[in-house]
Amino acid sequence: MKQIEVNIPRNSYNIYIEKGLLEKLDELIKTVYEGRKVFLITDSNVDKIYGEKAVRVLAKGFDVRKIVIAPRREQ
């Protein structure tokens, strides 16, 4: 798995890249989060492709809630 560190003041985070990573989403989150509830926020474009699968995978280990928002429009 490739990992890219994004270092910005106050809110650093990692981006993970790997084929099939969505199938391991629950396991990956468990490495950084010990809670039982997760909230998935996505836009309608991404939701059409990955939303159902992401919820199914996350539901293996979490109580999942999802909200779908409108995609950002370019100005």
PDB file of N, CA and C in Angstrom:
ATOM      1  N   MET A   1       0.849  -1.176   0.000  1.00  0.00           N
ATOM      2  CA  MET A   1       0.000   0.000   0.000  1.00  0.00           C
ATOM      3  C   MET A   1       0.891   1.234   0.000  1.00  0.00           C
ATOM      4  N   LYS A   2       0.562   2.175  -0.853  1.00  0.00           N
ATOM      5  CA  LYS A   2       1.276   3.443  -0.863  1.00  0.00           C
ATOM      6  C   LYS A   2       0.588   4.393   0.101  1.00  0.00           C
ATOM      7  N   GLN A   3       1.397   5.181   0.791  1.00  0.00           N
ATOM      8  CA  GLN A   3       0.868   6.144   1.749  1.00  0.00           C
ATOM      9  C   GLN A   3       1.503   7.504   1.469  1.00  0.00           C
ATOM     10  N   ILE A   4       0.660   8.510   1.371  1.00  0.00           N
ATOM     11  CA  ILE A   4       1.129   9.879   1.159  1.00  0.00           C
ATOM     12  C   ILE A   4       0.742  10.684   2.389  1.00  0.00           C
ATOM     13  N   GLU A   5       1.731  11.304   3.006  1.00  0.00           N
ATOM     14  CA  GLU A   5       1.462  12.157   4.165  1.00  0.00           C
ATOM     15  C   GLU A   5       1.197  13.581   3.705  1.00  0.00           C
ATOM     16  N   VAL A   6       0.085  14.131   4.138  1.00  0.00           N
ATOM     17  CA  VAL A   6      -0.253  15.515   3.846  1.00  0.00           C
ATOM     18  C   VAL A   6      -0.041  16.289   5.140  1.00  0.00           C
ATOM     19  N   ASN A   7       1.010  17.079   5.167  1.00  0.00           N
ATOM     20  CA  ASN A   7       1.352  17.831   6.377  1.00  0.00           C
ATOM     21  C   ASN A   7       0.946  19.289   6.224  1.00  0.00           C
ATOM     22  N   ILE A   8      -0.129  19.626   6.897  1.00  0.00           N
ATOM     23  CA  ILE A   8      -0.572  21.011   6.932  1.00  0.00           C
ATOM     24  C   ILE A   8      -0.757  21.393   8.397  1.00  0.00           C
ATOM     25  N   PRO A   9      -0.568  22.641   8.734  1.00  0.00           N
ATOM     26  CA  PRO A   9      -0.716  23.043  10.126  1.00  0.00           C
ATOM     27  C   PRO A   9      -2.098  22.669  10.667  1.00  0.00           C
ATOM     28  N   ARG A  10      -2.112  22.068  11.819  1.00  0.00           N
ATOM     29  CA  ARG A  10      -3.315  21.731  12.591  1.00  0.00           C
ATOM     30  C   ARG A  10      -4.091  20.521  12.097  1.00  0.00           C
ATOM     31  N   ASN A  11      -3.949  20.101  10.851  1.00  0.00           N
ATOM     32  CA  ASN A  11      -4.780  19.006  10.345  1.00  0.00           C
ATOM     33  C   ASN A  11      -4.036  18.090   9.374  1.00  0.00           C
ATOM     34  N   SER A  12      -2.948  17.492   9.797  1.00  0.00           N
ATOM     35  CA  SER A  12      -2.234  16.567   8.923  1.00  0.00           C
ATOM     36  C   SER A  12      -3.014  15.264   8.789  1.00  0.00           C
ATOM     37  N   TYR A  13      -2.859  14.594   7.653  1.00  0.00           N
ATOM     38  CA  TYR A  13      -3.557  13.329   7.429  1.00  0.00           C
ATOM     39  C   TYR A  13      -2.813  12.526   6.375  1.00  0.00           C
ATOM     40  N   ASN A  14      -3.191  11.256   6.244  1.00  0.00           N
ATOM     41  CA  ASN A  14      -2.584  10.365   5.265  1.00  0.00           C
ATOM     42  C   ASN A  14      -3.586  10.033   4.166  1.00  0.00           C
ATOM     43  N   ILE A  15      -3.058   9.812   2.974  1.00  0.00           N
ATOM     44  CA  ILE A  15      -3.842   9.311   1.852  1.00  0.00           C
ATOM     45  C   ILE A  15      -3.265   7.938   1.522  1.00  0.00           C
ATOM     46  N   TYR A  16      -4.139   6.932   1.430  1.00  0.00           N
ATOM     47  CA  TYR A  16      -3.707   5.572   1.135  1.00  0.00           C
ATOM     48  C   TYR A  16      -4.145   5.197  -0.271  1.00  0.00           C
ATOM     49  N   ILE A  17      -3.246   4.525  -0.996  1.00  0.00           N
ATOM     50  CA  ILE A  17      -3.523   4.121  -2.366  1.00  0.00           C
ATOM     51  C   ILE A  17      -3.191   2.637  -2.504  1.00  0.00           C
ATOM     52  N   GLU A  18      -4.205   1.868  -2.895  1.00  0.00           N
ATOM     53  CA  GLU A  18      -3.997   0.435  -3.110  1.00  0.00           C
ATOM     54  C   GLU A  18      -5.209  -0.124  -3.860  1.00  0.00           C
ATOM     55  N   LYS A  19      -4.963  -0.957  -4.818  1.00  0.00           N
ATOM     56  CA  LYS A  19      -6.060  -1.611  -5.536  1.00  0.00           C
ATOM     57  C   LYS A  19      -6.859  -2.450  -4.539  1.00  0.00           C
ATOM     58  N   GLY A  20      -8.179  -2.305  -4.565  1.00  0.00           N
ATOM     59  CA  GLY A  20      -9.038  -3.078  -3.685  1.00  0.00           C
ATOM     60  C   GLY A  20      -9.125  -2.556  -2.262  1.00  0.00           C
ATOM     61  N   LEU A  21      -8.617  -1.368  -2.013  1.00  0.00           N
ATOM     62  CA  LEU A  21      -8.581  -0.824  -0.658  1.00  0.00           C
ATOM     63  C   LEU A  21      -9.970  -0.649  -0.054  1.00  0.00           C
ATOM     64  N   LEU A  22     -10.956  -0.377  -0.880  1.00  0.00           N
ATOM     65  CA  LEU A  22     -12.312  -0.188  -0.373  1.00  0.00           C
ATOM     66  C   LEU A  22     -12.792  -1.419   0.397  1.00  0.00           C
ATOM     67  N   GLU A  23     -12.378  -2.605  -0.033  1.00  0.00           N
ATOM     68  CA  GLU A  23     -12.769  -3.842   0.652  1.00  0.00           C
ATOM     69  C   GLU A  23     -12.163  -3.960   2.050  1.00  0.00           C
ATOM     70  N   LYS A  24     -11.141  -3.151   2.341  1.00  0.00           N
ATOM     71  CA  LYS A  24     -10.463  -3.183   3.639  1.00  0.00           C
ATOM     72  C   LYS A  24     -10.748  -1.934   4.468  1.00  0.00           C
ATOM     73  N   LEU A  25     -11.708  -1.145   4.036  1.00  0.00           N
ATOM     74  CA  LEU A  25     -11.978   0.143   4.678  1.00  0.00           C
ATOM     75  C   LEU A  25     -12.246   0.007   6.171  1.00  0.00           C
ATOM     76  N   ASP A  26     -13.026  -0.989   6.560  1.00  0.00           N
ATOM     77  CA  ASP A  26     -13.319  -1.189   7.980  1.00  0.00           C
ATOM     78  C   ASP A  26     -12.059  -1.492   8.771  1.00  0.00           C
ATOM     79  N   GLU A  27     -11.190  -2.339   8.235  1.00  0.00           N
ATOM     80  CA  GLU A  27      -9.946  -2.698   8.918  1.00  0.00           C
ATOM     81  C   GLU A  27      -9.013  -1.485   9.044  1.00  0.00           C
ATOM     82  N   LEU A  28      -8.928  -0.704   7.993  1.00  0.00           N
ATOM     83  CA  LEU A  28      -8.063   0.467   8.007  1.00  0.00           C
ATOM     84  C   LEU A  28      -8.530   1.489   9.041  1.00  0.00           C
ATOM     85  N   ILE A  29      -9.811   1.727   9.108  1.00  0.00           N
ATOM     86  CA  ILE A  29     -10.338   2.684  10.079  1.00  0.00           C
ATOM     87  C   ILE A  29     -10.101   2.197  11.497  1.00  0.00           C
ATOM     88  N   LYS A  30     -10.208   0.898  11.733  1.00  0.00           N
ATOM     89  CA  LYS A  30      -9.985   0.351  13.071  1.00  0.00           C
ATOM     90  C   LYS A  30      -8.567   0.566  13.570  1.00  0.00           C
ATOM     91  N   THR A  31      -7.614   0.814  12.671  1.00  0.00           N
ATOM     92  CA  THR A  31      -6.237   1.067  13.101  1.00  0.00           C
ATOM     93  C   THR A  31      -6.063   2.459  13.703  1.00  0.00           C
ATOM     94  N   VAL A  32      -7.031   3.349  13.465  1.00  0.00           N
ATOM     95  CA  VAL A  32      -6.912   4.721  13.978  1.00  0.00           C
ATOM     96  C   VAL A  32      -8.105   5.167  14.815  1.00  0.00           C
ATOM     97  N   TYR A  33      -9.130   4.308  14.914  1.00  0.00           N
ATOM     98  CA  TYR A  33     -10.367   4.701  15.589  1.00  0.00           C
ATOM     99  C   TYR A  33     -10.919   3.517  16.373  1.00  0.00           C
ATOM    100  N   GLU A  34     -11.225   3.732  17.651  1.00  0.00           N
ATOM    101  CA  GLU A  34     -11.707   2.657  18.505  1.00  0.00           C
ATOM    102  C   GLU A  34     -13.211   2.696  18.741  1.00  0.00           C
ATOM    103  N   GLY A  35     -13.899   3.671  18.198  1.00  0.00           N
ATOM    104  CA  GLY A  35     -15.336   3.813  18.400  1.00  0.00           C
ATOM    105  C   GLY A  35     -16.143   2.807  17.592  1.00  0.00           C
ATOM    106  N   ARG A  36     -17.453   2.854  17.753  1.00  0.00           N
ATOM    107  CA  ARG A  36     -18.362   1.953  17.045  1.00  0.00           C
ATOM    108  C   ARG A  36     -19.159   2.655  15.954  1.00  0.00           C
ATOM    109  N   LYS A  37     -19.225   3.974  16.002  1.00  0.00           N
ATOM    110  CA  LYS A  37     -20.055   4.705  15.043  1.00  0.00           C
ATOM    111  C   LYS A  37     -19.181   5.456  14.045  1.00  0.00           C
ATOM    112  N   VAL A  38     -19.556   5.369  12.774  1.00  0.00           N
ATOM    113  CA  VAL A  38     -18.880   6.149  11.735  1.00  0.00           C
ATOM    114  C   VAL A  38     -19.939   6.851  10.895  1.00  0.00           C
ATOM    115  N   PHE A  39     -19.554   7.983  10.388  1.00  0.00           N
ATOM    116  CA  PHE A  39     -20.439   8.796   9.565  1.00  0.00           C
ATOM    117  C   PHE A  39     -19.747   9.027   8.243  1.00  0.00           C
ATOM    118  N   LEU A  40     -20.335   8.570   7.182  1.00  0.00           N
ATOM    119  CA  LEU A  40     -19.775   8.693   5.841  1.00  0.00           C
ATOM    120  C   LEU A  40     -20.433   9.869   5.140  1.00  0.00           C
ATOM    121  N   ILE A  41     -19.621  10.823   4.703  1.00  0.00           N
ATOM    122  CA  ILE A  41     -20.116  11.983   3.962  1.00  0.00           C
ATOM    123  C   ILE A  41     -19.533  11.893   2.554  1.00  0.00           C
ATOM    124  N   THR A  42     -20.401  11.930   1.557  1.00  0.00           N
ATOM    125  CA  THR A  42     -19.966  11.798   0.177  1.00  0.00           C
ATOM    126  C   THR A  42     -20.849  12.665  -0.712  1.00  0.00           C
ATOM    127  N   ASP A  43     -20.392  12.899  -1.934  1.00  0.00           N
ATOM    128  CA  ASP A  43     -21.285  13.602  -2.849  1.00  0.00           C
ATOM    129  C   ASP A  43     -21.993  12.576  -3.725  1.00  0.00           C
ATOM    130  N   SER A  44     -23.008  13.018  -4.434  1.00  0.00           N
ATOM    131  CA  SER A  44     -23.849  12.085  -5.186  1.00  0.00           C
ATOM    132  C   SER A  44     -23.095  11.388  -6.322  1.00  0.00           C
ATOM    133  N   ASN A  45     -22.076  12.020  -6.888  1.00  0.00           N
ATOM    134  CA  ASN A  45     -21.286  11.378  -7.944  1.00  0.00           C
ATOM    135  C   ASN A  45     -20.523  10.177  -7.399  1.00  0.00           C
ATOM    136  N   VAL A  46     -19.837  10.368  -6.297  1.00  0.00           N
ATOM    137  CA  VAL A  46     -19.062   9.291  -5.678  1.00  0.00           C
ATOM    138  C   VAL A  46     -20.001   8.227  -5.118  1.00  0.00           C
ATOM    139  N   ASP A  47     -21.111   8.659  -4.539  1.00  0.00           N
ATOM    140  CA  ASP A  47     -22.057   7.723  -3.951  1.00  0.00           C
ATOM    141  C   ASP A  47     -22.591   6.730  -4.972  1.00  0.00           C
ATOM    142  N   LYS A  48     -22.848   7.191  -6.178  1.00  0.00           N
ATOM    143  CA  LYS A  48     -23.356   6.300  -7.228  1.00  0.00           C
ATOM    144  C   LYS A  48     -22.393   5.150  -7.507  1.00  0.00           C
ATOM    145  N   ILE A  49     -21.113   5.411  -7.390  1.00  0.00           N
ATOM    146  CA  ILE A  49     -20.099   4.412  -7.724  1.00  0.00           C
ATOM    147  C   ILE A  49     -19.697   3.572  -6.507  1.00  0.00           C
ATOM    148  N   TYR A  50     -19.465   4.220  -5.363  1.00  0.00           N
ATOM    149  CA  TYR A  50     -18.888   3.539  -4.206  1.00  0.00           C
ATOM    150  C   TYR A  50     -19.746   3.515  -2.949  1.00  0.00           C
ATOM    151  N   GLY A  51     -20.824   4.264  -2.901  1.00  0.00           N
ATOM    152  CA  GLY A  51     -21.588   4.431  -1.671  1.00  0.00           C
ATOM    153  C   GLY A  51     -22.101   3.148  -1.053  1.00  0.00           C
ATOM    154  N   GLU A  52     -22.796   2.340  -1.842  1.00  0.00           N
ATOM    155  CA  GLU A  52     -23.376   1.101  -1.321  1.00  0.00           C
ATOM    156  C   GLU A  52     -22.292   0.148  -0.822  1.00  0.00           C
ATOM    157  N   LYS A  53     -21.228   0.022  -1.588  1.00  0.00           N
ATOM    158  CA  LYS A  53     -20.137  -0.875  -1.212  1.00  0.00           C
ATOM    159  C   LYS A  53     -19.435  -0.385   0.046  1.00  0.00           C
ATOM    160  N   ALA A  54     -19.192   0.918   0.136  1.00  0.00           N
ATOM    161  CA  ALA A  54     -18.525   1.472   1.325  1.00  0.00           C
ATOM    162  C   ALA A  54     -19.353   1.224   2.580  1.00  0.00           C
ATOM    163  N   VAL A  55     -20.647   1.432   2.499  1.00  0.00           N
ATOM    164  CA  VAL A  55     -21.516   1.189   3.657  1.00  0.00           C
ATOM    165  C   VAL A  55     -21.509  -0.289   4.023  1.00  0.00           C
ATOM    166  N   ARG A  56     -21.582  -1.168   3.034  1.00  0.00           N
ATOM    167  CA  ARG A  56     -21.571  -2.610   3.294  1.00  0.00           C
ATOM    168  C   ARG A  56     -20.287  -3.039   4.008  1.00  0.00           C
ATOM    169  N   VAL A  57     -19.144  -2.541   3.549  1.00  0.00           N
ATOM    170  CA  VAL A  57     -17.864  -2.901   4.158  1.00  0.00           C
ATOM    171  C   VAL A  57     -17.766  -2.316   5.568  1.00  0.00           C
ATOM    172  N   LEU A  58     -18.128  -1.065   5.726  1.00  0.00           N
ATOM    173  CA  LEU A  58     -18.063  -0.430   7.043  1.00  0.00           C
ATOM    174  C   LEU A  58     -19.001  -1.088   8.049  1.00  0.00           C
ATOM    175  N   ALA A  59     -20.131  -1.588   7.578  1.00  0.00           N
ATOM    176  CA  ALA A  59     -21.116  -2.202   8.476  1.00  0.00           C
ATOM    177  C   ALA A  59     -20.607  -3.499   9.095  1.00  0.00           C
ATOM    178  N   LYS A  60     -19.518  -4.053   8.583  1.00  0.00           N
ATOM    179  CA  LYS A  60     -18.928  -5.250   9.187  1.00  0.00           C
ATOM    180  C   LYS A  60     -18.451  -4.966  10.610  1.00  0.00           C
ATOM    181  N   GLY A  61     -17.999  -3.734  10.857  1.00  0.00           N
ATOM    182  CA  GLY A  61     -17.433  -3.441  12.167  1.00  0.00           C
ATOM    183  C   GLY A  61     -17.963  -2.187  12.832  1.00  0.00           C
ATOM    184  N   PHE A  62     -18.879  -1.494  12.159  1.00  0.00           N
ATOM    185  CA  PHE A  62     -19.340  -0.212  12.684  1.00  0.00           C
ATOM    186  C   PHE A  62     -20.838  -0.031  12.493  1.00  0.00           C
ATOM    187  N   ASP A  63     -21.386   0.855  13.299  1.00  0.00           N
ATOM    188  CA  ASP A  63     -22.738   1.369  13.082  1.00  0.00           C
ATOM    189  C   ASP A  63     -22.542   2.542  12.119  1.00  0.00           C
ATOM    190  N   VAL A  64     -23.045   2.435  10.899  1.00  0.00           N
ATOM    191  CA  VAL A  64     -22.750   3.398   9.829  1.00  0.00           C
ATOM    192  C   VAL A  64     -23.955   4.274   9.522  1.00  0.00           C
ATOM    193  N   ARG A  65     -23.697   5.547   9.381  1.00  0.00           N
ATOM    194  CA  ARG A  65     -24.686   6.504   8.879  1.00  0.00           C
ATOM    195  C   ARG A  65     -24.042   7.199   7.683  1.00  0.00           C
ATOM    196  N   LYS A  66     -24.863   7.516   6.681  1.00  0.00           N
ATOM    197  CA  LYS A  66     -24.325   8.153   5.470  1.00  0.00           C
ATOM    198  C   LYS A  66     -25.180   9.353   5.109  1.00  0.00           C
ATOM    199  N   ILE A  67     -24.509  10.401   4.661  1.00  0.00           N
ATOM    200  CA  ILE A  67     -25.197  11.560   4.114  1.00  0.00           C
ATOM    201  C   ILE A  67     -24.610  11.830   2.735  1.00  0.00           C
ATOM    202  N   VAL A  68     -25.485  12.102   1.790  1.00  0.00           N
ATOM    203  CA  VAL A  68     -25.067  12.386   0.417  1.00  0.00           C
ATOM    204  C   VAL A  68     -25.398  13.848   0.120  1.00  0.00           C
ATOM    205  N   ILE A  69     -24.399  14.574  -0.334  1.00  0.00           N
ATOM    206  CA  ILE A  69     -24.578  15.990  -0.655  1.00  0.00           C
ATOM    207  C   ILE A  69     -24.433  16.200  -2.162  1.00  0.00           C
ATOM    208  N   ALA A  70     -24.869  17.348  -2.617  1.00  0.00           N
ATOM    209  CA  ALA A  70     -24.713  17.698  -4.027  1.00  0.00           C
ATOM    210  C   ALA A  70     -23.246  17.956  -4.322  1.00  0.00           C
ATOM    211  N   PRO A  71     -22.784  17.588  -5.507  1.00  0.00           N
ATOM    212  CA  PRO A  71     -21.392  17.873  -5.860  1.00  0.00           C
ATOM    213  C   PRO A  71     -21.152  19.365  -5.978  1.00  0.00           C
ATOM    214  N   ARG A  72     -19.934  19.757  -5.714  1.00  0.00           N
ATOM    215  CA  ARG A  72     -19.569  21.175  -5.829  1.00  0.00           C
ATOM    216  C   ARG A  72     -19.588  21.573  -7.296  1.00  0.00           C
ATOM    217  N   ARG A  73     -20.175  22.693  -7.545  1.00  0.00           N
ATOM    218  CA  ARG A  73     -20.220  23.219  -8.923  1.00  0.00           C
ATOM    219  C   ARG A  73     -19.108  24.227  -9.109  1.00  0.00           C
ATOM    220  N   GLU A  74     -18.437  24.112 -10.237  1.00  0.00           N
ATOM    221  CA  GLU A  74     -17.376  25.068 -10.565  1.00  0.00           C
ATOM    222  C   GLU A  74     -18.001  26.426 -10.875  1.00  0.00           C
ATOM    223  N   GLN A  75     -17.326  27.458 -10.466  1.00  0.00           N
ATOM    224  CA  GLN A  75     -17.839  28.818 -10.705  1.00  0.00           C
ATOM    225  C   GLN A  75     -17.099  29.485 -11.832  1.00  0.00           C
TER     226      GLN A  75
END
